[in-house]
Amino acid sequence: MSMSLKSYEHCCSSLQALATLGKIEGVIPLLHGPQPCAYQTQIGSMTCRPSRLVTAGTLIQKSEVVFGGEQNLKNQIINIYRQYKPKIIVIINTCLPQLIGEDIKGVISEVEQEIPELRVTYFDSGFNFPKSLPLGNDVAWTTLVKLLKPMEKVTGSVGLVGRSGQDAGAFTPVDTFLKEAGITTFAFPAPHLSELEKIVQADILVPMHVVPYLTCKELSERFGSRVEYVEVPSGVIGTSGFLRGVADLLKNQKLHDLVDQEEEKMRPRYEAIKKRFAEDPVKVVIAYGPASEFSMSKILADFGAEVIMIPSMKNKFAQAEKELQKKKYGVTIFEDDFDTLEDVYQMFKPDTIFCEVQGRVEFIPKLMPTFCNMMFLTAYGYDFALDIGENFHMNMKREVLVTWKDLVKRYGGELHA
C-alpha cells in the first residue's frame, strides 16, 4: 500500500527558484535535473515569469545517473554563456544530482578558469524543502547575494526586500510614498541585475514580505545593513502600518502626513467595502502556496471577513506576522498537520478557499468558490486591496454556484461530497 503525498507536498521549491531567478535580466537560472523535472518546473513557472527571459536545463539522461552528469552541466553552462552572455548563472541543483553526489563545485571551478568574467553559483533545492514552496525564493536570493560586491552606503536609505522574482518592479504602491517623503529607496529584486545589486547600499533593510529572512540575514552579515521587520504592506491598515513603521524608523513626519492624506482620500471606498462584507459575511480559508496567504489574509480580514490562514513559512518574519495578524485582525492561524484540504474544510466549513491550484478535486463536487494563490503574488498597497474588496463578492460567483447546486439536486440527485 503506497502512501500518498500530503496536500502541501505537491509543489517543489525548484519551481519557485526558477520563477524567481528567471525574472532578473543579467541572471540565467540553470535547472540541473532530469527531463520530467525540467518540464514540470518550466510549465509550472510560466504564469509567473516573463517568457522573454531565459531559463535553461541540463536534462540528465539515464546514463548520467550511473556515470555522472558533470560534463553535461559544464557544456550547458558554456553554451548558455556563449549564446546569451549573462553576468551570473545560478545552478538549481535538484534532487537527482544530489542523490548521485555530483561535484557541482568542481564544475564551477573549471568553468571559472575558462571564463573568468562569468560568475557561477549554485544551491540545492527539491527535497530539502518539502513543506515550504517559497523557500525556493529565499535560498535562490541568498545564493545570488553571495556574489554581490560592496558599494558605498547611503545614510538614511531604505532597502525594500521582496518575496520573489515577481516582485521585481512591483514595489511602486509602496516606494512611491517613500520617495515622495524624500527617502532614498533601493529595491530587491529589481528587473535588471545592475539595479538589484544596489541593495548593498541600503542603510536599513525593510522586508516587504515574510519570505526573505535568509536573504536579509545574508545582506546584513555581508554588508552591514540593519534589518527591521515591520509588517507585510497588504490591505489598507497593513499598508498604512508598514509606511508609518518606516516613518518612525527614520523619524520622517512627511511620510506620516502622506499616509494621513491617502487614508482620507480612500476612506469612502474603504468604508463601503467593509459595509458590503458586514451585510454579506464571508468565511475564508487561505492555504499555503507561495506565501501569498500572508498578504491575502490581511486584505480580507481588514474588510471584515472571517479568515483561517494556513501558513507556509515559519521563520522569524513569519512568526512576527502571524502574531500581528492574530492580535490586529483576528485571523485564525491553523498549523495542525492534515492530509488534504478536505480535512480542513470539514473543520471550518468555509464559504471559499484560496490554495495553490484552482481546480481542487476536493471542492469541484461541492461547487465551492476556489481561488488560486498564484494569481495574488504582488498584493501590495492600497489600490490592490481596494480592488480586491470591491470585486470579491462578484468574483466568488455564489449566485451561479447556488443555481448549479439546485440543478444538480433536481436532475442528478444529491450532491456527491
Protein backbone atom coordinates (compact mmCIF):
# COMPACT_ATOMS: atom_id res chain seq x y z
CA MET A 1 0.00 0.00 0.00
CA SER A 2 1.54 3.31 -1.09
CA MET A 3 1.33 6.48 0.97
CA SER A 4 0.01 9.49 -0.94
CA LEU A 5 1.63 12.90 -0.76
CA LYS A 6 0.13 15.26 1.75
CA SER A 7 -1.76 18.17 0.29
CA TYR A 8 1.04 20.64 0.98
CA GLU A 9 3.76 18.50 -0.63
CA HIS A 10 2.61 18.78 -4.24
CA CYS A 11 4.77 21.75 -5.27
CA CYS A 12 8.56 21.92 -5.41
CA SER A 13 10.86 24.70 -4.22
CA SER A 14 12.75 24.38 -7.55
CA LEU A 15 9.71 25.84 -9.30
CA GLN A 16 9.75 28.99 -7.20
CA ALA A 17 13.51 29.31 -7.56
CA LEU A 18 13.28 29.14 -11.35
CA ALA A 19 10.45 31.67 -11.48
CA THR A 20 12.33 33.98 -9.13
CA LEU A 21 15.70 33.97 -10.86
CA GLY A 22 14.11 33.92 -14.31
CA LYS A 23 12.71 37.41 -13.74
CA ILE A 24 16.07 39.20 -13.45
CA GLU A 25 17.85 40.29 -16.64
CA GLY A 26 21.55 39.55 -16.42
CA VAL A 27 20.88 36.37 -14.43
CA ILE A 28 20.06 32.99 -16.00
CA PRO A 29 18.94 30.07 -13.83
CA LEU A 30 20.07 26.62 -14.98
CA LEU A 31 17.91 23.77 -13.71
CA HIS A 32 20.16 20.75 -13.23
CA GLY A 33 17.83 17.77 -13.26
CA PRO A 34 16.07 15.14 -15.39
CA GLN A 35 13.64 15.98 -18.19
CA PRO A 36 10.40 15.40 -16.21
CA CYS A 37 11.65 17.77 -13.51
CA ALA A 38 12.60 20.43 -16.06
CA TYR A 39 9.29 20.09 -17.91
CA GLN A 40 7.08 20.34 -14.83
CA THR A 41 9.08 23.22 -13.40
CA GLN A 42 9.05 25.19 -16.66
CA ILE A 43 5.31 24.67 -17.14
CA GLY A 44 4.54 25.46 -13.51
CA SER A 45 6.51 28.71 -13.57
CA MET A 46 5.19 30.05 -16.89
CA THR A 47 2.40 32.01 -15.22
CA CYS A 48 4.79 33.97 -13.01
CA ARG A 49 7.85 34.75 -15.14
CA PRO A 50 8.14 36.67 -18.44
CA SER A 51 8.73 34.45 -21.48
CA ARG A 52 11.32 36.83 -22.92
CA LEU A 53 13.75 35.93 -20.14
CA VAL A 54 15.83 32.79 -20.47
CA THR A 55 15.80 29.73 -18.28
CA ALA A 56 17.62 26.51 -19.13
CA GLY A 57 18.04 22.89 -18.05
CA THR A 58 20.54 20.05 -18.38
CA LEU A 59 18.03 17.20 -18.89
CA ILE A 60 20.02 14.48 -17.12
CA GLN A 61 19.92 11.16 -19.02
CA LYS A 62 19.83 7.62 -17.57
CA SER A 63 23.49 7.01 -18.42
CA GLU A 64 24.48 10.13 -16.46
CA VAL A 65 22.78 8.75 -13.36
CA VAL A 66 25.34 5.95 -13.50
CA PHE A 67 28.41 7.76 -14.81
CA GLY A 68 27.69 11.32 -13.64
CA GLY A 69 26.43 14.39 -15.49
CA GLU A 70 29.19 16.87 -14.66
CA GLN A 71 30.37 17.20 -18.28
CA ASN A 72 26.81 17.79 -19.46
CA LEU A 73 26.43 20.53 -16.84
CA LYS A 74 29.68 22.18 -17.82
CA ASN A 75 28.80 22.12 -21.51
CA GLN A 76 25.42 23.68 -20.85
CA ILE A 77 26.94 26.49 -18.77
CA ILE A 78 29.39 27.28 -21.55
CA ASN A 79 26.66 27.12 -24.22
CA ILE A 80 24.44 29.50 -22.25
CA TYR A 81 27.26 31.97 -21.80
CA ARG A 82 28.27 31.92 -25.46
CA GLN A 83 24.71 32.46 -26.64
CA TYR A 84 23.33 34.93 -24.07
CA LYS A 85 26.33 36.45 -22.25
CA PRO A 86 24.73 36.61 -18.77
CA LYS A 87 26.59 38.18 -15.85
CA ILE A 88 25.58 35.36 -13.50
CA ILE A 89 24.41 31.77 -13.95
CA VAL A 90 22.74 30.15 -10.94
CA ILE A 91 22.57 26.34 -10.96
CA ILE A 92 19.41 24.99 -9.33
CA ASN A 93 20.66 21.60 -8.17
CA THR A 94 17.60 19.33 -7.99
CA CYS A 95 17.04 16.05 -6.14
CA LEU A 96 18.60 13.58 -8.62
CA PRO A 97 22.11 15.09 -8.93
CA GLN A 98 22.15 15.49 -5.14
CA LEU A 99 21.33 11.80 -4.70
CA ILE A 100 24.13 10.65 -7.02
CA GLY A 101 26.59 13.10 -5.44
CA GLU A 102 27.67 15.18 -8.42
CA ASP A 103 30.62 17.53 -7.95
CA ILE A 104 28.92 20.85 -8.71
CA LYS A 105 31.68 22.90 -7.08
CA GLY A 106 34.29 21.18 -9.27
CA VAL A 107 32.31 22.06 -12.41
CA ILE A 108 32.02 25.69 -11.32
CA SER A 109 35.76 25.86 -10.63
CA GLU A 110 36.57 24.57 -14.13
CA VAL A 111 34.16 27.00 -15.79
CA GLU A 112 35.53 29.99 -13.87
CA GLN A 113 39.04 29.16 -15.04
CA GLU A 114 37.86 29.04 -18.66
CA ILE A 115 35.52 32.05 -18.45
CA PRO A 116 36.82 34.30 -15.64
CA GLU A 117 34.33 37.11 -16.39
CA LEU A 118 31.35 34.82 -15.69
CA ARG A 119 30.09 34.34 -12.14
CA VAL A 120 28.57 30.90 -11.47
CA THR A 121 26.99 29.69 -8.26
CA TYR A 122 24.52 27.01 -7.14
CA PHE A 123 22.18 25.87 -4.39
CA ASP A 124 20.40 22.61 -3.55
CA SER A 125 16.62 22.59 -3.94
CA GLY A 126 13.91 19.93 -4.22
CA PHE A 127 13.51 17.60 -1.28
CA ASN A 128 15.46 19.93 1.01
CA PHE A 129 12.28 21.97 1.47
CA PRO A 130 9.34 19.55 1.09
CA LYS A 131 6.85 21.60 3.11
CA SER A 132 7.70 25.13 2.01
CA LEU A 133 7.45 26.04 -1.66
CA PRO A 134 8.50 29.70 -1.12
CA LEU A 135 11.80 28.71 0.50
CA GLY A 136 12.92 28.23 -3.10
CA ASN A 137 12.73 32.01 -3.38
CA ASP A 138 14.74 32.69 -0.24
CA VAL A 139 17.59 30.27 -0.93
CA ALA A 140 17.78 31.49 -4.55
CA TRP A 141 18.12 35.10 -3.38
CA THR A 142 20.66 34.17 -0.71
CA THR A 143 22.80 32.40 -3.31
CA LEU A 144 22.67 35.48 -5.52
CA VAL A 145 23.52 37.84 -2.66
CA LYS A 146 26.73 35.91 -2.01
CA LEU A 147 28.01 37.12 -5.40
CA LEU A 148 27.23 40.81 -4.87
CA LYS A 149 30.06 43.27 -4.21
CA PRO A 150 30.24 46.04 -1.58
CA MET A 151 29.24 49.61 -2.50
CA GLU A 152 29.19 52.83 -0.51
CA LYS A 153 26.30 53.05 1.96
CA VAL A 154 23.67 55.79 1.60
CA THR A 155 22.86 57.09 5.08
CA GLY A 156 19.16 57.05 5.91
CA SER A 157 18.26 54.95 2.87
CA VAL A 158 15.83 52.04 2.86
CA GLY A 159 16.15 48.74 1.03
CA LEU A 160 12.85 47.03 0.26
CA VAL A 161 13.39 43.26 0.11
CA GLY A 162 10.68 41.29 -1.65
CA ARG A 163 9.25 37.81 -1.71
CA SER A 164 10.22 36.54 -5.16
CA GLY A 165 11.19 37.47 -8.70
CA GLN A 166 7.62 38.53 -9.39
CA ASP A 167 8.24 41.47 -7.05
CA ALA A 168 10.75 42.99 -9.50
CA GLY A 169 9.23 46.32 -10.49
CA ALA A 170 6.18 45.73 -8.24
CA PHE A 171 7.04 47.98 -5.27
CA THR A 172 5.55 51.16 -6.77
CA PRO A 173 2.45 51.10 -4.48
CA VAL A 174 4.83 51.49 -1.53
CA ASP A 175 8.06 53.12 -2.67
CA THR A 176 6.17 56.00 -4.32
CA PHE A 177 5.29 57.26 -0.83
CA LEU A 178 8.86 56.77 0.44
CA LYS A 179 10.37 58.69 -2.47
CA GLU A 180 7.83 61.49 -2.16
CA ALA A 181 8.85 61.77 1.51
CA GLY A 182 12.47 62.25 0.40
CA ILE A 183 13.68 58.76 1.34
CA THR A 184 16.31 57.16 -0.88
CA THR A 185 14.98 53.70 -1.74
CA PHE A 186 16.59 50.57 -3.16
CA ALA A 187 14.60 47.57 -4.40
CA PHE A 188 15.45 43.89 -4.21
CA PRO A 189 14.59 42.32 -6.56
CA ALA A 190 14.76 44.71 -9.48
CA PRO A 191 14.12 43.94 -13.17
CA HIS A 192 17.84 44.15 -14.01
CA LEU A 193 20.92 42.94 -12.17
CA SER A 194 22.53 46.38 -12.36
CA GLU A 195 19.69 47.79 -10.23
CA LEU A 196 19.27 44.75 -7.99
CA GLU A 197 22.88 44.77 -6.81
CA LYS A 198 22.50 48.33 -5.41
CA ILE A 199 20.63 46.83 -2.46
CA VAL A 200 24.00 46.61 -0.70
CA GLN A 201 23.95 50.43 -0.39
CA ALA A 202 20.84 50.41 1.80
CA ASP A 203 21.26 51.62 5.36
CA ILE A 204 18.13 49.82 6.66
CA LEU A 205 16.56 46.72 5.12
CA VAL A 206 12.78 46.53 5.47
CA PRO A 207 11.28 43.23 4.25
CA MET A 208 8.16 43.57 2.11
CA HIS A 209 7.16 40.02 2.94
CA VAL A 210 7.85 37.20 5.37
CA VAL A 211 9.80 35.11 2.83
CA PRO A 212 13.25 36.78 2.56
CA TYR A 213 14.52 36.04 6.07
CA LEU A 214 17.69 34.25 4.93
CA THR A 215 18.24 36.88 2.24
CA CYS A 216 18.08 39.75 4.75
CA LYS A 217 20.33 37.84 7.12
CA GLU A 218 22.94 37.35 4.38
CA LEU A 219 22.76 41.02 3.32
CA SER A 220 23.11 42.15 6.92
CA GLU A 221 26.06 39.90 7.67
CA ARG A 222 27.94 40.66 4.45
CA PHE A 223 27.23 44.36 4.02
CA GLY A 224 26.28 45.63 7.49
CA SER A 225 22.72 46.74 6.73
CA ARG A 226 20.30 46.86 9.65
CA VAL A 227 17.20 44.67 9.28
CA GLU A 228 13.87 45.97 10.63
CA TYR A 229 10.75 43.87 10.11
CA VAL A 230 7.58 46.00 10.24
CA GLU A 231 4.75 44.06 8.60
CA VAL A 232 3.60 42.98 5.13
CA PRO A 233 2.26 46.12 3.37
CA SER A 234 -1.01 44.50 2.24
CA GLY A 235 -4.53 45.70 2.88
CA VAL A 236 -5.46 49.23 3.85
CA ILE A 237 -4.48 49.01 7.51
CA GLY A 238 -1.42 46.90 6.71
CA THR A 239 -0.09 49.31 4.08
CA SER A 240 -0.53 52.26 6.45
CA GLY A 241 1.12 50.26 9.24
CA PHE A 242 4.12 49.49 7.06
CA LEU A 243 4.57 53.08 5.88
CA ARG A 244 4.15 54.50 9.38
CA GLY A 245 6.62 51.93 10.69
CA VAL A 246 9.22 53.16 8.19
CA ALA A 247 8.36 56.76 9.07
CA ASP A 248 9.02 56.00 12.75
CA LEU A 249 12.32 54.27 11.96
CA LEU A 250 13.56 57.33 10.05
CA LYS A 251 11.69 59.95 12.12
CA ASN A 252 10.12 61.22 8.89
CA GLN A 253 7.00 63.27 9.60
CA LYS A 254 6.36 63.94 5.89
CA LEU A 255 5.74 60.22 5.33
CA HIS A 256 3.19 60.22 8.17
CA ASP A 257 1.47 63.21 6.55
CA LEU A 258 1.33 61.47 3.17
CA VAL A 259 -0.30 58.42 4.77
CA ASP A 260 -2.86 60.68 6.51
CA GLN A 261 -3.75 62.23 3.14
CA GLU A 262 -4.08 58.86 1.40
CA GLU A 263 -6.26 57.41 4.16
CA GLU A 264 -8.58 60.41 3.98
CA LYS A 265 -8.84 60.14 0.19
CA MET A 266 -9.76 56.45 0.11
CA ARG A 267 -11.93 56.33 3.26
CA PRO A 268 -15.30 56.32 1.38
CA ARG A 269 -14.27 53.30 -0.73
CA TYR A 270 -12.85 51.52 2.30
CA GLU A 271 -15.99 52.03 4.40
CA ALA A 272 -18.24 50.93 1.52
CA ILE A 273 -16.30 47.65 1.20
CA LYS A 274 -16.48 46.99 4.93
CA LYS A 275 -20.24 47.59 4.82
CA ARG A 276 -20.62 45.05 1.99
CA PHE A 277 -18.66 42.43 3.93
CA ALA A 278 -20.80 43.11 7.02
CA GLU A 279 -24.01 42.68 5.02
CA ASP A 280 -22.77 39.56 3.21
CA PRO A 281 -20.32 37.80 5.57
CA VAL A 282 -17.62 35.51 4.20
CA LYS A 283 -15.58 32.79 5.89
CA VAL A 284 -12.33 32.13 4.00
CA VAL A 285 -9.61 29.51 4.30
CA ILE A 286 -6.36 30.80 2.80
CA ALA A 287 -3.96 27.89 2.48
CA TYR A 288 -0.25 27.52 1.84
CA GLY A 289 1.27 28.39 -1.51
CA PRO A 290 4.00 30.82 -2.49
CA ALA A 291 3.41 32.64 0.84
CA SER A 292 0.71 34.86 -0.65
CA GLU A 293 -1.55 33.59 2.15
CA PHE A 294 0.14 36.14 4.44
CA SER A 295 -0.93 39.07 2.28
CA MET A 296 -4.39 37.89 1.19
CA SER A 297 -5.38 37.07 4.77
CA LYS A 298 -4.67 40.67 5.81
CA ILE A 299 -6.61 42.14 2.92
CA LEU A 300 -9.76 40.12 3.54
CA ALA A 301 -9.62 40.25 7.34
CA ASP A 302 -9.18 44.02 7.12
CA PHE A 303 -12.55 44.24 5.34
CA GLY A 304 -14.27 42.03 7.93
CA ALA A 305 -14.04 38.51 6.51
CA GLU A 306 -13.54 35.63 8.93
CA VAL A 307 -10.15 34.28 7.87
CA ILE A 308 -8.41 30.98 8.62
CA MET A 309 -4.82 31.10 7.39
CA ILE A 310 -2.60 28.03 6.87
CA PRO A 311 0.94 29.46 6.73
CA SER A 312 3.74 28.07 4.57
CA MET A 313 6.59 29.79 6.43
CA LYS A 314 7.96 29.51 9.98
CA ASN A 315 10.93 31.89 10.02
CA LYS A 316 11.21 34.89 12.39
CA PHE A 317 9.44 37.25 9.99
CA ALA A 318 6.58 34.77 9.62
CA GLN A 319 6.28 34.36 13.39
CA ALA A 320 6.06 38.14 13.85
CA GLU A 321 3.47 38.47 11.07
CA LYS A 322 1.33 35.64 12.43
CA GLU A 323 1.21 37.23 15.89
CA LEU A 324 0.34 40.60 14.37
CA GLN A 325 -2.48 39.13 12.27
CA LYS A 326 -3.95 37.25 15.24
CA LYS A 327 -3.96 40.32 17.51
CA LYS A 328 -4.72 43.08 15.00
CA TYR A 329 -7.09 41.32 12.59
CA GLY A 330 -8.43 38.31 14.48
CA VAL A 331 -7.06 35.87 11.88
CA THR A 332 -7.14 32.21 12.93
CA ILE A 333 -3.74 30.59 12.33
CA PHE A 334 -4.10 26.86 11.64
CA GLU A 335 -0.85 24.87 11.78
CA ASP A 336 -2.00 21.37 12.72
CA ASP A 337 -1.00 18.56 10.39
CA PHE A 338 -3.55 17.32 7.86
CA ASP A 339 -3.67 15.16 4.74
CA THR A 340 -5.89 17.04 2.30
CA LEU A 341 -7.79 20.31 2.23
CA GLU A 342 -10.97 18.26 2.58
CA ASP A 343 -9.91 17.73 6.22
CA VAL A 344 -9.62 21.50 6.69
CA TYR A 345 -12.96 22.05 5.00
CA GLN A 346 -14.69 19.66 7.38
CA MET A 347 -13.21 21.51 10.37
CA PHE A 348 -14.05 25.08 9.35
CA LYS A 349 -16.79 24.81 6.65
CA PRO A 350 -15.61 27.95 4.78
CA ASP A 351 -17.55 29.76 2.06
CA THR A 352 -14.48 29.89 -0.18
CA ILE A 353 -10.87 28.78 -0.23
CA PHE A 354 -7.53 30.04 -1.57
CA CYS A 355 -4.93 27.37 -2.41
CA GLU A 356 -2.08 26.69 -4.85
CA VAL A 357 -4.29 25.48 -7.73
CA GLN A 358 -7.83 26.39 -8.66
CA GLY A 359 -9.26 23.06 -9.82
CA ARG A 360 -9.14 21.21 -6.50
CA VAL A 361 -10.72 17.76 -6.68
CA GLU A 362 -11.91 18.13 -3.07
CA PHE A 363 -14.11 21.12 -3.92
CA ILE A 364 -15.27 20.66 -7.50
CA PRO A 365 -18.16 18.36 -6.42
CA LYS A 366 -19.13 20.91 -3.77
CA LEU A 367 -19.26 23.70 -6.37
CA MET A 368 -17.39 25.89 -3.90
CA PRO A 369 -15.60 29.10 -4.98
CA THR A 370 -11.87 28.41 -5.15
CA PHE A 371 -9.12 30.95 -5.82
CA CYS A 372 -5.57 30.23 -6.98
CA ASN A 373 -2.86 31.72 -4.72
CA MET A 374 -0.51 32.03 -7.71
CA MET A 375 -2.71 34.86 -9.01
CA PHE A 376 -2.05 37.07 -5.97
CA LEU A 377 1.74 37.28 -5.87
CA THR A 378 2.31 41.05 -5.60
CA ALA A 379 -0.56 42.01 -3.30
CA TYR A 380 0.95 45.28 -2.02
CA GLY A 381 -0.53 48.67 -1.37
CA TYR A 382 -3.88 50.42 -1.04
CA ASP A 383 -5.18 50.11 -4.60
CA PHE A 384 -4.65 46.35 -4.85
CA ALA A 385 -6.57 45.82 -1.61
CA LEU A 386 -9.44 48.12 -2.56
CA ASP A 387 -9.78 46.46 -5.95
CA ILE A 388 -9.91 43.01 -4.31
CA GLY A 389 -12.51 44.21 -1.81
CA GLU A 390 -14.80 45.89 -4.34
CA ASN A 391 -14.86 42.83 -6.62
CA PHE A 392 -14.56 39.94 -4.18
CA HIS A 393 -18.22 39.01 -3.81
CA MET A 394 -18.76 39.22 -7.56
CA ASN A 395 -15.69 37.03 -8.23
CA MET A 396 -16.96 34.36 -5.84
CA LYS A 397 -19.85 33.74 -8.29
CA ARG A 398 -22.01 32.49 -5.42
CA GLU A 399 -25.27 33.06 -7.31
CA VAL A 400 -24.05 30.93 -10.23
CA LEU A 401 -22.84 28.15 -7.96
CA VAL A 402 -26.09 28.12 -5.96
CA THR A 403 -28.05 27.78 -9.23
CA TRP A 404 -25.84 24.88 -10.32
CA LYS A 405 -26.29 23.15 -6.97
CA ASP A 406 -30.06 23.39 -7.34
CA LEU A 407 -29.88 21.94 -10.85
CA VAL A 408 -27.67 19.07 -9.72
CA LYS A 409 -30.02 18.25 -6.85
CA ARG A 410 -33.05 18.43 -9.12
CA TYR A 411 -31.75 16.40 -12.06
CA GLY A 412 -28.78 14.46 -10.75
CA GLY A 413 -29.76 13.51 -7.25
CA GLU A 414 -27.98 14.72 -4.12
CA LEU A 415 -24.57 16.34 -4.49
CA HIS A 416 -21.65 13.94 -4.16
CA ALA A 417 -19.33 15.14 -1.39
